[in-house]
Amino acid sequence: MNPVLDAIYSRRSVRDFMNRPVEREKILEVIRAGTWAPSGLNNQPWRFAIVTDPGLKGRFEGLTHYGNVISSARVLIPVFLDKRAMYNIVKDHQAVGACIQNMLLAAHAMGLGAVWLGEILRSAEDVRDLLGLSSDFELMAVVAMGYPEHKDRTSTRNSVKEVIIFDK
């Protein structure tokens, strides 16, 4: 099979991680993969924070219903939209979504597990405050990452026929 398609079809959201540090080179490679997502006018509006400090990471736990995922993760990568780099709200939000998907696929390709945490957006201001960031940075998600505790997870999807609404 094609390695790109294989990665797409085999990637799963991982919420349980081993107590094993993630190498800095891998963290940076995940971010680098994110930066290769398409963006309108190549404005690259994404910005990232890296949180590995256990004390700081622990302060994120109370900001989401998924505190247990944050507790288990070895790395948090809050992903932001830099409002100063924006030119179109819809296209820029879509670009950051593509960036996050690239990050998830890169993590998977390197044997890491990751999950896209969106529910934490209700605490976006608190996340910015924890990191000392200005309101120029809009939180889009937090990617929780580490070495997966469990492998060979399964999932299902609707058939292609079920999701096509027009074909002529």
Foldseek 3Di string as FASTA:
>chain_A
DDPVVVLVQFADAFQAADPDADDPVLVVVLQVLLQPFDAVVSLSQKDKDKDQPLVLLQVLLVLAPSSSSSNRFRIKIFMWGQQVSDDDVVRSLVSNVRSVVSSQSSCVVVQKHKHWAARSLVVQVVVCVSVVHDPSIRTRTMIGMHHHPDHDDDDDDDDPVVPDPDDD
